[in-house]
Amino acid sequence: MMVELDELEGRIQAAVALLAQLREEKRRLELENDELKNRVRALETAAGKQADDMKPRLKVLEEERTTLLDERRAVARRVEEMLAKLAVLEKAVHV
């Protein structure tokens, strides 16, 4: 009977040690989880601010793109006009 009680006591002590270890690990994971939540909040805030800071720059770039496209169209139109005039001149010279 004493042997059985000693075995039972050993198993209880092992269970208590395991329970203490699991509690400590849970506490550590909860702290780590809180730290990660804080970091995510900080990153979200920074990302939102950065996005707000980029809006004016994006607007300027979009306006610049529109201007460049308009200039490109104007140059293409002038080149087509010059090619048409060149074709007329070539016909006049070959007549």
PDB file of N, CA and C in Angstrom:
ATOM      1  N   MET A   1       0.819  -1.189   0.000  1.00  0.00           N
ATOM      2  CA  MET A   1       0.000   0.000   0.000  1.00  0.00           C
ATOM      3  C   MET A   1       0.870   1.262   0.000  1.00  0.00           C
ATOM      4  N   MET A   2       1.963   1.245   0.732  1.00  0.00           N
ATOM      5  CA  MET A   2       2.866   2.389   0.803  1.00  0.00           C
ATOM      6  C   MET A   2       3.496   2.672  -0.557  1.00  0.00           C
ATOM      7  N   VAL A   3       3.799   1.615  -1.270  1.00  0.00           N
ATOM      8  CA  VAL A   3       4.391   1.785  -2.599  1.00  0.00           C
ATOM      9  C   VAL A   3       3.388   2.478  -3.513  1.00  0.00           C
ATOM     10  N   GLU A   4       2.140   2.051  -3.428  1.00  0.00           N
ATOM     11  CA  GLU A   4       1.098   2.665  -4.253  1.00  0.00           C
ATOM     12  C   GLU A   4       0.910   4.135  -3.884  1.00  0.00           C
ATOM     13  N   LEU A   5       0.956   4.436  -2.599  1.00  0.00           N
ATOM     14  CA  LEU A   5       0.823   5.821  -2.159  1.00  0.00           C
ATOM     15  C   LEU A   5       2.015   6.657  -2.611  1.00  0.00           C
ATOM     16  N   ASP A   6       3.203   6.055  -2.542  1.00  0.00           N
ATOM     17  CA  ASP A   6       4.396   6.762  -3.019  1.00  0.00           C
ATOM     18  C   ASP A   6       4.300   7.037  -4.515  1.00  0.00           C
ATOM     19  N   GLU A   7       3.818   6.053  -5.274  1.00  0.00           N
ATOM     20  CA  GLU A   7       3.647   6.236  -6.728  1.00  0.00           C
ATOM     21  C   GLU A   7       2.612   7.327  -7.008  1.00  0.00           C
ATOM     22  N   LEU A   8       1.511   7.270  -6.253  1.00  0.00           N
ATOM     23  CA  LEU A   8       0.460   8.260  -6.419  1.00  0.00           C
ATOM     24  C   LEU A   8       0.989   9.648  -6.065  1.00  0.00           C
ATOM     25  N   GLU A   9       1.757   9.753  -4.994  1.00  0.00           N
ATOM     26  CA  GLU A   9       2.346  11.026  -4.607  1.00  0.00           C
ATOM     27  C   GLU A   9       3.297  11.530  -5.691  1.00  0.00           C
ATOM     28  N   GLY A  10       4.077  10.657  -6.271  1.00  0.00           N
ATOM     29  CA  GLY A  10       4.989  11.042  -7.363  1.00  0.00           C
ATOM     30  C   GLY A  10       4.214  11.540  -8.577  1.00  0.00           C
ATOM     31  N   ARG A  11       3.137  10.846  -8.898  1.00  0.00           N
ATOM     32  CA  ARG A  11       2.320  11.258 -10.044  1.00  0.00           C
ATOM     33  C   ARG A  11       1.639  12.598  -9.767  1.00  0.00           C
ATOM     34  N   ILE A  12       1.196  12.800  -8.540  1.00  0.00           N
ATOM     35  CA  ILE A  12       0.559  14.074  -8.179  1.00  0.00           C
ATOM     36  C   ILE A  12       1.581  15.202  -8.261  1.00  0.00           C
ATOM     37  N   GLN A  13       2.772  14.952  -7.740  1.00  0.00           N
ATOM     38  CA  GLN A  13       3.819  15.968  -7.798  1.00  0.00           C
ATOM     39  C   GLN A  13       4.190  16.300  -9.253  1.00  0.00           C
ATOM     40  N   ALA A  14       4.221  15.278 -10.107  1.00  0.00           N
ATOM     41  CA  ALA A  14       4.515  15.509 -11.526  1.00  0.00           C
ATOM     42  C   ALA A  14       3.402  16.327 -12.164  1.00  0.00           C
ATOM     43  N   ALA A  15       2.155  16.006 -11.798  1.00  0.00           N
ATOM     44  CA  ALA A  15       1.016  16.751 -12.339  1.00  0.00           C
ATOM     45  C   ALA A  15       1.048  18.202 -11.856  1.00  0.00           C
ATOM     46  N   VAL A  16       1.393  18.415 -10.593  1.00  0.00           N
ATOM     47  CA  VAL A  16       1.474  19.764 -10.038  1.00  0.00           C
ATOM     48  C   VAL A  16       2.579  20.540 -10.751  1.00  0.00           C
ATOM     49  N   ALA A  17       3.722  19.893 -10.974  1.00  0.00           N
ATOM     50  CA  ALA A  17       4.829  20.554 -11.670  1.00  0.00           C
ATOM     51  C   ALA A  17       4.427  20.909 -13.102  1.00  0.00           C
ATOM     52  N   LEU A  18       3.766  19.976 -13.768  1.00  0.00           N
ATOM     53  CA  LEU A  18       3.311  20.230 -15.137  1.00  0.00           C
ATOM     54  C   LEU A  18       2.292  21.358 -15.165  1.00  0.00           C
ATOM     55  N   LEU A  19       1.377  21.373 -14.214  1.00  0.00           N
ATOM     56  CA  LEU A  19       0.370  22.427 -14.127  1.00  0.00           C
ATOM     57  C   LEU A  19       1.034  23.786 -13.889  1.00  0.00           C
ATOM     58  N   ALA A  20       2.035  23.829 -13.036  1.00  0.00           N
ATOM     59  CA  ALA A  20       2.755  25.084 -12.779  1.00  0.00           C
ATOM     60  C   ALA A  20       3.477  25.544 -14.035  1.00  0.00           C
ATOM     61  N   GLN A  21       4.077  24.591 -14.728  1.00  0.00           N
ATOM     62  CA  GLN A  21       4.785  24.923 -15.975  1.00  0.00           C
ATOM     63  C   GLN A  21       3.808  25.451 -17.018  1.00  0.00           C
ATOM     64  N   LEU A  22       2.652  24.820 -17.144  1.00  0.00           N
ATOM     65  CA  LEU A  22       1.646  25.266 -18.112  1.00  0.00           C
ATOM     66  C   LEU A  22       1.096  26.643 -17.750  1.00  0.00           C
ATOM     67  N   ARG A  23       0.906  26.897 -16.462  1.00  0.00           N
ATOM     68  CA  ARG A  23       0.436  28.224 -16.035  1.00  0.00           C
ATOM     69  C   ARG A  23       1.461  29.297 -16.375  1.00  0.00           C
ATOM     70  N   GLU A  24       2.722  29.000 -16.127  1.00  0.00           N
ATOM     71  CA  GLU A  24       3.791  29.948 -16.437  1.00  0.00           C
ATOM     72  C   GLU A  24       3.861  30.205 -17.948  1.00  0.00           C
ATOM     73  N   GLU A  25       3.737  29.145 -18.729  1.00  0.00           N
ATOM     74  CA  GLU A  25       3.763  29.297 -20.186  1.00  0.00           C
ATOM     75  C   GLU A  25       2.561  30.105 -20.665  1.00  0.00           C
ATOM     76  N   LYS A  26       1.398  29.874 -20.077  1.00  0.00           N
ATOM     77  CA  LYS A  26       0.201  30.639 -20.433  1.00  0.00           C
ATOM     78  C   LYS A  26       0.406  32.118 -20.119  1.00  0.00           C
ATOM     79  N   ARG A  27       0.967  32.426 -18.930  1.00  0.00           N
ATOM     80  CA  ARG A  27       1.216  33.804 -18.549  1.00  0.00           C
ATOM     81  C   ARG A  27       2.188  34.464 -19.532  1.00  0.00           C
ATOM     82  N   ARG A  28       3.251  33.736 -19.871  1.00  0.00           N
ATOM     83  CA  ARG A  28       4.240  34.274 -20.811  1.00  0.00           C
ATOM     84  C   ARG A  28       3.612  34.519 -22.186  1.00  0.00           C
ATOM     85  N   LEU A  29       2.790  33.584 -22.650  1.00  0.00           N
ATOM     86  CA  LEU A  29       2.135  33.746 -23.955  1.00  0.00           C
ATOM     87  C   LEU A  29       1.131  34.904 -23.945  1.00  0.00           C
ATOM     88  N   GLU A  30       0.436  35.096 -22.829  1.00  0.00           N
ATOM     89  CA  GLU A  30      -0.490  36.224 -22.733  1.00  0.00           C
ATOM     90  C   GLU A  30       0.262  37.549 -22.797  1.00  0.00           C
ATOM     91  N   LEU A  31       1.413  37.633 -22.109  1.00  0.00           N
ATOM     92  CA  LEU A  31       2.235  38.842 -22.175  1.00  0.00           C
ATOM     93  C   LEU A  31       2.736  39.077 -23.600  1.00  0.00           C
ATOM     94  N   GLU A  32       3.201  38.015 -24.237  1.00  0.00           N
ATOM     95  CA  GLU A  32       3.684  38.135 -25.614  1.00  0.00           C
ATOM     96  C   GLU A  32       2.547  38.554 -26.545  1.00  0.00           C
ATOM     97  N   ASN A  33       1.367  38.006 -26.325  1.00  0.00           N
ATOM     98  CA  ASN A  33       0.203  38.356 -27.134  1.00  0.00           C
ATOM     99  C   ASN A  33      -0.141  39.838 -26.978  1.00  0.00           C
ATOM    100  N   ASP A  34      -0.103  40.333 -25.734  1.00  0.00           N
ATOM    101  CA  ASP A  34      -0.370  41.754 -25.490  1.00  0.00           C
ATOM    102  C   ASP A  34       0.662  42.636 -26.187  1.00  0.00           C
ATOM    103  N   GLU A  35       1.929  42.243 -26.100  1.00  0.00           N
ATOM    104  CA  GLU A  35       2.986  43.008 -26.773  1.00  0.00           C
ATOM    105  C   GLU A  35       2.761  43.037 -28.287  1.00  0.00           C
ATOM    106  N   LEU A  36       2.405  41.893 -28.849  1.00  0.00           N
ATOM    107  CA  LEU A  36       2.157  41.829 -30.297  1.00  0.00           C
ATOM    108  C   LEU A  36       0.943  42.666 -30.692  1.00  0.00           C
ATOM    109  N   LYS A  37      -0.094  42.654 -29.872  1.00  0.00           N
ATOM    110  CA  LYS A  37      -1.272  43.490 -30.153  1.00  0.00           C
ATOM    111  C   LYS A  37      -0.883  44.966 -30.161  1.00  0.00           C
ATOM    112  N   ASN A  38      -0.058  45.364 -29.191  1.00  0.00           N
ATOM    113  CA  ASN A  38       0.395  46.761 -29.139  1.00  0.00           C
ATOM    114  C   ASN A  38       1.223  47.117 -30.369  1.00  0.00           C
ATOM    115  N   ARG A  39       2.084  46.207 -30.791  1.00  0.00           N
ATOM    116  CA  ARG A  39       2.901  46.464 -31.978  1.00  0.00           C
ATOM    117  C   ARG A  39       2.024  46.581 -33.229  1.00  0.00           C
ATOM    118  N   VAL A  40       1.020  45.716 -33.334  1.00  0.00           N
ATOM    119  CA  VAL A  40       0.111  45.771 -34.489  1.00  0.00           C
ATOM    120  C   VAL A  40      -0.639  47.100 -34.497  1.00  0.00           C
ATOM    121  N   ARG A  41      -1.114  47.534 -33.333  1.00  0.00           N
ATOM    122  CA  ARG A  41      -1.812  48.825 -33.263  1.00  0.00           C
ATOM    123  C   ARG A  41      -0.894  49.966 -33.703  1.00  0.00           C
ATOM    124  N   ALA A  42       0.350  49.922 -33.224  1.00  0.00           N
ATOM    125  CA  ALA A  42       1.312  50.972 -33.586  1.00  0.00           C
ATOM    126  C   ALA A  42       1.590  50.950 -35.082  1.00  0.00           C
ATOM    127  N   LEU A  43       1.739  49.757 -35.655  1.00  0.00           N
ATOM    128  CA  LEU A  43       1.989  49.653 -37.096  1.00  0.00           C
ATOM    129  C   LEU A  43       0.780  50.117 -37.911  1.00  0.00           C
ATOM    130  N   GLU A  44      -0.414  49.775 -37.448  1.00  0.00           N
ATOM    131  CA  GLU A  44      -1.622  50.223 -38.145  1.00  0.00           C
ATOM    132  C   GLU A  44      -1.718  51.744 -38.123  1.00  0.00           C
ATOM    133  N   THR A  45      -1.410  52.336 -36.977  1.00  0.00           N
ATOM    134  CA  THR A  45      -1.446  53.796 -36.854  1.00  0.00           C
ATOM    135  C   THR A  45      -0.422  54.427 -37.788  1.00  0.00           C
ATOM    136  N   ALA A  46       0.788  53.884 -37.787  1.00  0.00           N
ATOM    137  CA  ALA A  46       1.841  54.415 -38.657  1.00  0.00           C
ATOM    138  C   ALA A  46       1.471  54.261 -40.124  1.00  0.00           C
ATOM    139  N   ALA A  47       0.894  53.110 -40.482  1.00  0.00           N
ATOM    140  CA  ALA A  47       0.506  52.882 -41.878  1.00  0.00           C
ATOM    141  C   ALA A  47      -0.588  53.860 -42.297  1.00  0.00           C
ATOM    142  N   GLY A  48      -1.536  54.110 -41.411  1.00  0.00           N
ATOM    143  CA  GLY A  48      -2.601  55.060 -41.717  1.00  0.00           C
ATOM    144  C   GLY A  48      -2.055  56.464 -41.905  1.00  0.00           C
ATOM    145  N   LYS A  49      -1.129  56.856 -41.048  1.00  0.00           N
ATOM    146  CA  LYS A  49      -0.520  58.185 -41.158  1.00  0.00           C
ATOM    147  C   LYS A  49       0.293  58.284 -42.442  1.00  0.00           C
ATOM    148  N   GLN A  50       1.018  57.228 -42.741  1.00  0.00           N
ATOM    149  CA  GLN A  50       1.831  57.241 -43.962  1.00  0.00           C
ATOM    150  C   GLN A  50       0.935  57.332 -45.201  1.00  0.00           C
ATOM    151  N   ALA A  51      -0.189  56.634 -45.174  1.00  0.00           N
ATOM    152  CA  ALA A  51      -1.119  56.697 -46.301  1.00  0.00           C
ATOM    153  C   ALA A  51      -1.673  58.114 -46.446  1.00  0.00           C
ATOM    154  N   ASP A  52      -2.007  58.736 -45.329  1.00  0.00           N
ATOM    155  CA  ASP A  52      -2.511  60.114 -45.370  1.00  0.00           C
ATOM    156  C   ASP A  52      -1.440  61.073 -45.896  1.00  0.00           C
ATOM    157  N   ASP A  53      -0.186  60.835 -45.496  1.00  0.00           N
ATOM    158  CA  ASP A  53       0.918  61.677 -45.962  1.00  0.00           C
ATOM    159  C   ASP A  53       1.160  61.519 -47.461  1.00  0.00           C
ATOM    160  N   MET A  54       0.843  60.356 -48.004  1.00  0.00           N
ATOM    161  CA  MET A  54       1.112  60.075 -49.420  1.00  0.00           C
ATOM    162  C   MET A  54       0.022  60.614 -50.348  1.00  0.00           C
ATOM    163  N   LYS A  55      -1.144  60.915 -49.825  1.00  0.00           N
ATOM    164  CA  LYS A  55      -2.257  61.364 -50.671  1.00  0.00           C
ATOM    165  C   LYS A  55      -1.918  62.611 -51.482  1.00  0.00           C
ATOM    166  N   PRO A  56      -1.351  63.658 -50.876  1.00  0.00           N
ATOM    167  CA  PRO A  56      -1.018  64.839 -51.698  1.00  0.00           C
ATOM    168  C   PRO A  56       0.014  64.511 -52.777  1.00  0.00           C
ATOM    169  N   ARG A  57       1.004  63.711 -52.437  1.00  0.00           N
ATOM    170  CA  ARG A  57       2.035  63.341 -53.412  1.00  0.00           C
ATOM    171  C   ARG A  57       1.408  62.534 -54.552  1.00  0.00           C
ATOM    172  N   LEU A  58       0.509  61.638 -54.231  1.00  0.00           N
ATOM    173  CA  LEU A  58      -0.172  60.842 -55.243  1.00  0.00           C
ATOM    174  C   LEU A  58      -0.998  61.738 -56.163  1.00  0.00           C
ATOM    175  N   LYS A  59      -1.662  62.727 -55.595  1.00  0.00           N
ATOM    176  CA  LYS A  59      -2.461  63.662 -56.402  1.00  0.00           C
ATOM    177  C   LYS A  59      -1.565  64.428 -57.363  1.00  0.00           C
ATOM    178  N   VAL A  60      -0.410  64.889 -56.872  1.00  0.00           N
ATOM    179  CA  VAL A  60       0.534  65.613 -57.730  1.00  0.00           C
ATOM    180  C   VAL A  60       1.016  64.712 -58.862  1.00  0.00           C
ATOM    181  N   LEU A  61       1.334  63.465 -58.539  1.00  0.00           N
ATOM    182  CA  LEU A  61       1.811  62.529 -59.569  1.00  0.00           C
ATOM    183  C   LEU A  61       0.726  62.231 -60.609  1.00  0.00           C
ATOM    184  N   GLU A  62      -0.516  62.119 -60.162  1.00  0.00           N
ATOM    185  CA  GLU A  62      -1.614  61.888 -61.105  1.00  0.00           C
ATOM    186  C   GLU A  62      -1.786  63.091 -62.036  1.00  0.00           C
ATOM    187  N   GLU A  63      -1.678  64.298 -61.488  1.00  0.00           N
ATOM    188  CA  GLU A  63      -1.782  65.500 -62.319  1.00  0.00           C
ATOM    189  C   GLU A  63      -0.619  65.568 -63.312  1.00  0.00           C
ATOM    190  N   GLU A  64       0.574  65.217 -62.842  1.00  0.00           N
ATOM    191  CA  GLU A  64       1.745  65.216 -63.728  1.00  0.00           C
ATOM    192  C   GLU A  64       1.575  64.188 -64.840  1.00  0.00           C
ATOM    193  N   ARG A  65       1.028  63.040 -64.501  1.00  0.00           N
ATOM    194  CA  ARG A  65       0.775  61.989 -65.505  1.00  0.00           C
ATOM    195  C   ARG A  65      -0.203  62.494 -66.559  1.00  0.00           C
ATOM    196  N   THR A  66      -1.269  63.138 -66.112  1.00  0.00           N
ATOM    197  CA  THR A  66      -2.261  63.675 -67.042  1.00  0.00           C
ATOM    198  C   THR A  66      -1.619  64.711 -67.968  1.00  0.00           C
ATOM    199  N   THR A  67      -0.805  65.589 -67.396  1.00  0.00           N
ATOM    200  CA  THR A  67      -0.122  66.613 -68.198  1.00  0.00           C
ATOM    201  C   THR A  67       0.801  65.968 -69.231  1.00  0.00           C
ATOM    202  N   LEU A  68       1.542  64.970 -68.807  1.00  0.00           N
ATOM    203  CA  LEU A  68       2.465  64.302 -69.727  1.00  0.00           C
ATOM    204  C   LEU A  68       1.714  63.568 -70.842  1.00  0.00           C
ATOM    205  N   LEU A  69       0.583  62.974 -70.507  1.00  0.00           N
ATOM    206  CA  LEU A  69      -0.218  62.304 -71.542  1.00  0.00           C
ATOM    207  C   LEU A  69      -0.753  63.323 -72.544  1.00  0.00           C
ATOM    208  N   ASP A  70      -1.198  64.472 -72.040  1.00  0.00           N
ATOM    209  CA  ASP A  70      -1.686  65.523 -72.936  1.00  0.00           C
ATOM    210  C   ASP A  70      -0.567  66.013 -73.854  1.00  0.00           C
ATOM    211  N   GLU A  71       0.621  66.218 -73.274  1.00  0.00           N
ATOM    212  CA  GLU A  71       1.761  66.651 -74.091  1.00  0.00           C
ATOM    213  C   GLU A  71       2.125  65.595 -75.124  1.00  0.00           C
ATOM    214  N   ARG A  72       2.067  64.338 -74.733  1.00  0.00           N
ATOM    215  CA  ARG A  72       2.378  63.247 -75.669  1.00  0.00           C
ATOM    216  C   ARG A  72       1.393  63.237 -76.839  1.00  0.00           C
ATOM    217  N   ARG A  73       0.122  63.424 -76.518  1.00  0.00           N
ATOM    218  CA  ARG A  73      -0.892  63.465 -77.588  1.00  0.00           C
ATOM    219  C   ARG A  73      -0.649  64.639 -78.527  1.00  0.00           C
ATOM    220  N   ALA A  74      -0.288  65.799 -77.946  1.00  0.00           N
ATOM    221  CA  ALA A  74      -0.027  66.983 -78.764  1.00  0.00           C
ATOM    222  C   ALA A  74       1.172  66.751 -79.681  1.00  0.00           C
ATOM    223  N   VAL A  75       2.229  66.147 -79.153  1.00  0.00           N
ATOM    224  CA  VAL A  75       3.408  65.861 -79.972  1.00  0.00           C
ATOM    225  C   VAL A  75       3.058  64.862 -81.070  1.00  0.00           C
ATOM    226  N   ALA A  76       2.299  63.839 -80.741  1.00  0.00           N
ATOM    227  CA  ALA A  76       1.901  62.850 -81.744  1.00  0.00           C
ATOM    228  C   ALA A  76       1.059  63.511 -82.840  1.00  0.00           C
ATOM    229  N   ARG A  77       0.170  64.395 -82.443  1.00  0.00           N
ATOM    230  CA  ARG A  77      -0.669  65.095 -83.428  1.00  0.00           C
ATOM    231  C   ARG A  77       0.197  65.969 -84.349  1.00  0.00           C
ATOM    232  N   ARG A  78       1.189  66.674 -83.759  1.00  0.00           N
ATOM    233  CA  ARG A  78       2.065  67.524 -84.572  1.00  0.00           C
ATOM    234  C   ARG A  78       2.921  66.690 -85.524  1.00  0.00           C
ATOM    235  N   VAL A  79       3.380  65.546 -85.055  1.00  0.00           N
ATOM    236  CA  VAL A  79       4.172  64.658 -85.927  1.00  0.00           C
ATOM    237  C   VAL A  79       3.305  64.161 -87.081  1.00  0.00           C
ATOM    238  N   GLU A  80       2.055  63.793 -86.800  1.00  0.00           N
ATOM    239  CA  GLU A  80       1.155  63.350 -87.871  1.00  0.00           C
ATOM    240  C   GLU A  80       0.914  64.478 -88.878  1.00  0.00           C
ATOM    241  N   GLU A  81       0.729  65.692 -88.369  1.00  0.00           N
ATOM    242  CA  GLU A  81       0.538  66.834 -89.272  1.00  0.00           C
ATOM    243  C   GLU A  81       1.774  67.049 -90.148  1.00  0.00           C
ATOM    244  N   MET A  82       2.964  66.956 -89.545  1.00  0.00           N
ATOM    245  CA  MET A  82       4.206  67.139 -90.311  1.00  0.00           C
ATOM    246  C   MET A  82       4.373  66.038 -91.353  1.00  0.00           C
ATOM    247  N   LEU A  83       4.004  64.808 -90.990  1.00  0.00           N
ATOM    248  CA  LEU A  83       4.096  63.705 -91.941  1.00  0.00           C
ATOM    249  C   LEU A  83       3.133  63.923 -93.111  1.00  0.00           C
ATOM    250  N   ALA A  84       1.948  64.445 -92.805  1.00  0.00           N
ATOM    251  CA  ALA A  84       0.980  64.727 -93.870  1.00  0.00           C
ATOM    252  C   ALA A  84       1.527  65.812 -94.792  1.00  0.00           C
ATOM    253  N   LYS A  85       2.113  66.879 -94.222  1.00  0.00           N
ATOM    254  CA  LYS A  85       2.697  67.945 -95.035  1.00  0.00           C
ATOM    255  C   LYS A  85       3.868  67.426 -95.856  1.00  0.00           C
ATOM    256  N   LEU A  86       4.673  66.543 -95.248  1.00  0.00           N
ATOM    257  CA  LEU A  86       5.803  65.956 -95.959  1.00  0.00           C
ATOM    258  C   LEU A  86       5.311  65.118 -97.141  1.00  0.00           C
ATOM    259  N   ALA A  87       4.233  64.397 -96.949  1.00  0.00           N
ATOM    260  CA  ALA A  87       3.682  63.589 -98.033  1.00  0.00           C
ATOM    261  C   ALA A  87       3.214  64.496 -99.169  1.00  0.00           C
ATOM    262  N   VAL A  88       2.583  65.630 -98.834  1.00  0.00           N
ATOM    263  CA  VAL A  88       2.137  66.580 -99.852  1.00  0.00           C
ATOM    264  C   VAL A  88       3.345  67.140-100.595  1.00  0.00           C
ATOM    265  N   LEU A  89       4.389  67.507 -99.875  1.00  0.00           N
ATOM    266  CA  LEU A  89       5.604  68.040-100.504  1.00  0.00           C
ATOM    267  C   LEU A  89       6.259  67.017-101.421  1.00  0.00           C
ATOM    268  N   GLU A  90       6.306  65.767-100.978  1.00  0.00           N
ATOM    269  CA  GLU A  90       6.911  64.702-101.800  1.00  0.00           C
ATOM    270  C   GLU A  90       6.125  64.529-103.095  1.00  0.00           C
ATOM    271  N   LYS A  91       4.797  64.608-103.016  1.00  0.00           N
ATOM    272  CA  LYS A  91       3.968  64.485-104.215  1.00  0.00           C
ATOM    273  C   LYS A  91       4.261  65.661-105.157  1.00  0.00           C
ATOM    274  N   ALA A  92       4.396  66.859-104.592  1.00  0.00           N
ATOM    275  CA  ALA A  92       4.627  68.057-105.392  1.00  0.00           C
ATOM    276  C   ALA A  92       5.994  67.967-106.080  1.00  0.00           C
ATOM    277  N   VAL A  93       6.978  67.412-105.404  1.00  0.00           N
ATOM    278  CA  VAL A  93       8.303  67.313-105.974  1.00  0.00           C
ATOM    279  C   VAL A  93       8.335  66.253-107.065  1.00  0.00           C
ATOM    280  N   HIS A  94       7.608  65.191-106.954  1.00  0.00           N
ATOM    281  CA  HIS A  94       7.621  64.087-107.912  1.00  0.00           C
ATOM    282  C   HIS A  94       6.658  64.308-109.086  1.00  0.00           C
ATOM    283  N   VAL A  95       5.929  65.345-109.090  1.00  0.00           N
ATOM    284  CA  VAL A  95       4.983  65.590-110.193  1.00  0.00           C
ATOM    285  C   VAL A  95       5.657  66.162-111.373  1.00  0.00           C
TER     286      VAL A  95
END
